Amino acid sequence: MGVHKQSVSFTDAAFSHVQALVEAGEYPTVSAAVSGELARARAARARDQALLEAEVQRRLALPADDWQAVDSLTAETRDWLAGR
């Protein structure tokens, strides 16, 4: 694994968070904390994507008579789907 040096800026809250992780002994340096937390975020996104894909596949495998008609959705759900 190579190392790529890059200058970045953090909000005070973000920097305090990674400093706290270092002070708690979870990472040896701020750089390691940032890299480690990015890796954790990447893994979490991959898990979320895999769960979503599995759920879509599960629903696609349902028989047609198990599908809920869109006109039976609540007004609240229709508003949410419309982005209101």
N, C-alpha and C. Protein backbone atom coordinates (compact mmCIF):
# COMPACT_ATOMS: atom_id res chain seq x y z
N MET A 1 0.85 -1.16 0.00
CA MET A 1 0.00 0.00 0.00
C MET A 1 0.90 1.23 0.00
N GLY A 2 0.69 2.10 -0.98
CA GLY A 2 1.48 3.31 -1.07
C GLY A 2 0.92 4.42 -0.20
N VAL A 3 1.70 5.46 -0.07
CA VAL A 3 1.28 6.62 0.71
C VAL A 3 1.23 7.81 -0.24
N HIS A 4 0.14 8.54 -0.17
CA HIS A 4 -0.03 9.73 -0.99
C HIS A 4 -0.16 10.92 -0.06
N LYS A 5 0.80 11.82 -0.11
CA LYS A 5 0.75 13.01 0.76
C LYS A 5 -0.18 14.03 0.14
N GLN A 6 -1.05 14.58 0.99
CA GLN A 6 -2.01 15.57 0.52
C GLN A 6 -2.32 16.52 1.67
N SER A 7 -2.35 17.78 1.38
CA SER A 7 -2.73 18.76 2.39
C SER A 7 -4.25 18.92 2.36
N VAL A 8 -4.88 18.79 3.51
CA VAL A 8 -6.33 18.93 3.59
C VAL A 8 -6.69 19.84 4.76
N SER A 9 -7.91 20.37 4.71
CA SER A 9 -8.40 21.22 5.79
C SER A 9 -9.58 20.53 6.46
N PHE A 10 -9.69 20.71 7.77
CA PHE A 10 -10.76 20.10 8.54
C PHE A 10 -11.49 21.17 9.34
N THR A 11 -12.75 20.95 9.61
CA THR A 11 -13.46 21.81 10.54
C THR A 11 -12.87 21.56 11.93
N ASP A 12 -13.12 22.48 12.83
CA ASP A 12 -12.63 22.29 14.20
C ASP A 12 -13.20 21.01 14.80
N ALA A 13 -14.48 20.75 14.54
CA ALA A 13 -15.13 19.56 15.11
C ALA A 13 -14.50 18.28 14.55
N ALA A 14 -14.25 18.25 13.25
CA ALA A 14 -13.66 17.05 12.64
C ALA A 14 -12.25 16.81 13.17
N PHE A 15 -11.48 17.89 13.27
CA PHE A 15 -10.11 17.73 13.77
C PHE A 15 -10.10 17.30 15.23
N SER A 16 -10.99 17.87 16.02
CA SER A 16 -11.10 17.47 17.43
C SER A 16 -11.46 15.99 17.54
N HIS A 17 -12.32 15.54 16.64
CA HIS A 17 -12.73 14.13 16.66
C HIS A 17 -11.53 13.21 16.41
N VAL A 18 -10.76 13.48 15.36
CA VAL A 18 -9.63 12.59 15.08
C VAL A 18 -8.55 12.72 16.15
N GLN A 19 -8.36 13.92 16.70
CA GLN A 19 -7.40 14.07 17.81
C GLN A 19 -7.84 13.24 19.01
N ALA A 20 -9.14 13.23 19.28
CA ALA A 20 -9.65 12.43 20.41
C ALA A 20 -9.43 10.95 20.17
N LEU A 21 -9.57 10.51 18.93
CA LEU A 21 -9.31 9.10 18.61
C LEU A 21 -7.85 8.75 18.87
N VAL A 22 -6.96 9.66 18.53
CA VAL A 22 -5.52 9.43 18.78
C VAL A 22 -5.25 9.43 20.28
N GLU A 23 -5.81 10.40 20.99
CA GLU A 23 -5.59 10.47 22.44
C GLU A 23 -6.15 9.26 23.17
N ALA A 24 -7.22 8.67 22.61
CA ALA A 24 -7.81 7.48 23.22
C ALA A 24 -7.01 6.22 22.88
N GLY A 25 -6.02 6.36 22.01
CA GLY A 25 -5.18 5.22 21.66
C GLY A 25 -5.73 4.36 20.53
N GLU A 26 -6.78 4.84 19.87
CA GLU A 26 -7.35 4.05 18.77
C GLU A 26 -6.47 4.09 17.53
N TYR A 27 -5.72 5.16 17.37
CA TYR A 27 -4.81 5.33 16.24
C TYR A 27 -3.53 5.98 16.75
N PRO A 28 -2.40 5.70 16.09
CA PRO A 28 -1.14 6.28 16.57
C PRO A 28 -0.95 7.74 16.18
N THR A 29 -1.55 8.17 15.07
CA THR A 29 -1.38 9.55 14.59
C THR A 29 -2.70 10.06 14.02
N VAL A 30 -2.77 11.39 13.84
CA VAL A 30 -3.95 11.99 13.22
C VAL A 30 -4.10 11.46 11.79
N SER A 31 -3.00 11.33 11.08
CA SER A 31 -3.04 10.81 9.71
C SER A 31 -3.61 9.40 9.69
N ALA A 32 -3.18 8.57 10.62
CA ALA A 32 -3.70 7.20 10.70
C ALA A 32 -5.19 7.21 11.05
N ALA A 33 -5.59 8.14 11.92
CA ALA A 33 -7.00 8.24 12.31
C ALA A 33 -7.87 8.62 11.11
N VAL A 34 -7.41 9.60 10.33
CA VAL A 34 -8.17 10.01 9.15
C VAL A 34 -8.26 8.85 8.16
N SER A 35 -7.14 8.20 7.89
CA SER A 35 -7.14 7.07 6.96
C SER A 35 -8.03 5.93 7.47
N GLY A 36 -7.92 5.65 8.76
CA GLY A 36 -8.71 4.57 9.34
C GLY A 36 -10.20 4.85 9.30
N GLU A 37 -10.57 6.08 9.62
CA GLU A 37 -11.99 6.44 9.61
C GLU A 37 -12.54 6.47 8.19
N LEU A 38 -11.72 6.88 7.22
CA LEU A 38 -12.16 6.82 5.82
C LEU A 38 -12.38 5.37 5.39
N ALA A 39 -11.50 4.49 5.81
CA ALA A 39 -11.66 3.07 5.49
C ALA A 39 -12.94 2.51 6.12
N ARG A 40 -13.22 2.91 7.37
CA ARG A 40 -14.45 2.46 8.02
C ARG A 40 -15.68 2.99 7.28
N ALA A 41 -15.63 4.24 6.85
CA ALA A 41 -16.75 4.83 6.11
C ALA A 41 -16.95 4.11 4.78
N ARG A 42 -15.84 3.79 4.10
CA ARG A 42 -15.93 3.06 2.83
C ARG A 42 -16.56 1.69 3.04
N ALA A 43 -16.15 1.00 4.08
CA ALA A 43 -16.71 -0.33 4.38
C ALA A 43 -18.20 -0.23 4.73
N ALA A 44 -18.58 0.80 5.47
CA ALA A 44 -19.99 0.98 5.83
C ALA A 44 -20.83 1.25 4.58
N ARG A 45 -20.31 2.06 3.67
CA ARG A 45 -21.03 2.32 2.42
C ARG A 45 -21.18 1.04 1.61
N ALA A 46 -20.13 0.24 1.56
CA ALA A 46 -20.19 -1.01 0.81
C ALA A 46 -21.22 -1.96 1.43
N ARG A 47 -21.27 -2.01 2.77
CA ARG A 47 -22.27 -2.86 3.44
C ARG A 47 -23.68 -2.36 3.14
N ASP A 48 -23.88 -1.04 3.22
CA ASP A 48 -25.20 -0.46 2.93
C ASP A 48 -25.62 -0.77 1.49
N GLN A 49 -24.68 -0.64 0.56
CA GLN A 49 -24.98 -0.92 -0.85
C GLN A 49 -25.34 -2.40 -1.03
N ALA A 50 -24.60 -3.28 -0.39
CA ALA A 50 -24.88 -4.72 -0.51
C ALA A 50 -26.26 -5.05 0.08
N LEU A 51 -26.60 -4.43 1.22
CA LEU A 51 -27.92 -4.66 1.82
C LEU A 51 -29.03 -4.15 0.92
N LEU A 52 -28.84 -2.97 0.33
CA LEU A 52 -29.84 -2.42 -0.58
C LEU A 52 -30.02 -3.33 -1.79
N GLU A 53 -28.92 -3.76 -2.38
CA GLU A 53 -28.99 -4.64 -3.54
C GLU A 53 -29.69 -5.95 -3.20
N ALA A 54 -29.38 -6.51 -2.04
CA ALA A 54 -30.02 -7.76 -1.63
C ALA A 54 -31.52 -7.56 -1.43
N GLU A 55 -31.91 -6.42 -0.84
CA GLU A 55 -33.33 -6.15 -0.63
C GLU A 55 -34.06 -5.94 -1.95
N VAL A 56 -33.44 -5.25 -2.89
CA VAL A 56 -34.06 -5.07 -4.21
C VAL A 56 -34.23 -6.43 -4.89
N GLN A 57 -33.20 -7.26 -4.82
CA GLN A 57 -33.30 -8.60 -5.42
C GLN A 57 -34.39 -9.44 -4.74
N ARG A 58 -34.48 -9.33 -3.42
CA ARG A 58 -35.51 -10.07 -2.68
C ARG A 58 -36.89 -9.63 -3.14
N ARG A 59 -37.08 -8.32 -3.25
CA ARG A 59 -38.40 -7.82 -3.65
C ARG A 59 -38.72 -8.16 -5.10
N LEU A 60 -37.71 -8.14 -5.97
CA LEU A 60 -37.94 -8.50 -7.37
C LEU A 60 -38.34 -9.96 -7.52
N ALA A 61 -37.93 -10.78 -6.56
CA ALA A 61 -38.24 -12.21 -6.61
C ALA A 61 -39.66 -12.52 -6.11
N LEU A 62 -40.34 -11.52 -5.53
CA LEU A 62 -41.69 -11.75 -5.02
C LEU A 62 -42.66 -12.00 -6.17
N PRO A 63 -43.65 -12.85 -5.93
CA PRO A 63 -44.68 -13.04 -6.95
C PRO A 63 -45.44 -11.72 -7.17
N ALA A 64 -45.96 -11.52 -8.36
CA ALA A 64 -46.64 -10.26 -8.71
C ALA A 64 -47.79 -9.94 -7.74
N ASP A 65 -48.48 -10.97 -7.24
CA ASP A 65 -49.61 -10.68 -6.35
C ASP A 65 -49.18 -10.25 -4.95
N ASP A 66 -47.87 -10.31 -4.65
CA ASP A 66 -47.37 -9.81 -3.37
C ASP A 66 -46.95 -8.35 -3.42
N TRP A 67 -46.96 -7.77 -4.61
CA TRP A 67 -46.56 -6.37 -4.75
C TRP A 67 -47.70 -5.48 -4.28
N GLN A 68 -47.33 -4.36 -3.66
CA GLN A 68 -48.33 -3.40 -3.20
C GLN A 68 -48.53 -2.37 -4.30
N ALA A 69 -49.78 -2.12 -4.63
CA ALA A 69 -50.08 -1.13 -5.66
C ALA A 69 -49.66 0.25 -5.19
N VAL A 70 -49.13 1.04 -6.09
CA VAL A 70 -48.66 2.37 -5.74
C VAL A 70 -49.82 3.25 -5.29
N ASP A 71 -51.01 3.06 -5.83
CA ASP A 71 -52.14 3.90 -5.44
C ASP A 71 -52.59 3.65 -4.01
N SER A 72 -52.07 2.60 -3.38
CA SER A 72 -52.44 2.32 -1.99
C SER A 72 -51.48 2.97 -1.00
N LEU A 73 -50.49 3.71 -1.50
CA LEU A 73 -49.55 4.37 -0.61
C LEU A 73 -50.23 5.53 0.11
N THR A 74 -49.74 5.83 1.28
CA THR A 74 -50.29 6.95 2.04
C THR A 74 -49.86 8.26 1.39
N ALA A 75 -50.58 9.32 1.71
CA ALA A 75 -50.23 10.65 1.19
C ALA A 75 -48.84 11.04 1.65
N GLU A 76 -48.50 10.70 2.89
CA GLU A 76 -47.18 11.01 3.42
C GLU A 76 -46.08 10.33 2.60
N THR A 77 -46.30 9.07 2.25
CA THR A 77 -45.33 8.34 1.45
C THR A 77 -45.22 8.93 0.06
N ARG A 78 -46.35 9.28 -0.55
CA ARG A 78 -46.31 9.89 -1.88
C ARG A 78 -45.56 11.22 -1.85
N ASP A 79 -45.76 12.02 -0.79
CA ASP A 79 -45.05 13.28 -0.65
C ASP A 79 -43.55 13.04 -0.52
N TRP A 80 -43.17 12.04 0.28
CA TRP A 80 -41.75 11.73 0.46
C TRP A 80 -41.14 11.29 -0.86
N LEU A 81 -41.82 10.44 -1.61
CA LEU A 81 -41.32 9.98 -2.90
C LEU A 81 -41.19 11.14 -3.89
N ALA A 82 -42.07 12.11 -3.78
CA ALA A 82 -42.04 13.27 -4.67
C ALA A 82 -41.00 14.30 -4.23
N GLY A 83 -40.40 14.08 -3.06
CA GLY A 83 -39.36 14.98 -2.57
C GLY A 83 -39.90 16.25 -1.95
N ARG A 84 -41.10 16.21 -1.43
CA ARG A 84 -41.69 17.42 -0.83
C ARG A 84 -41.36 17.53 0.62
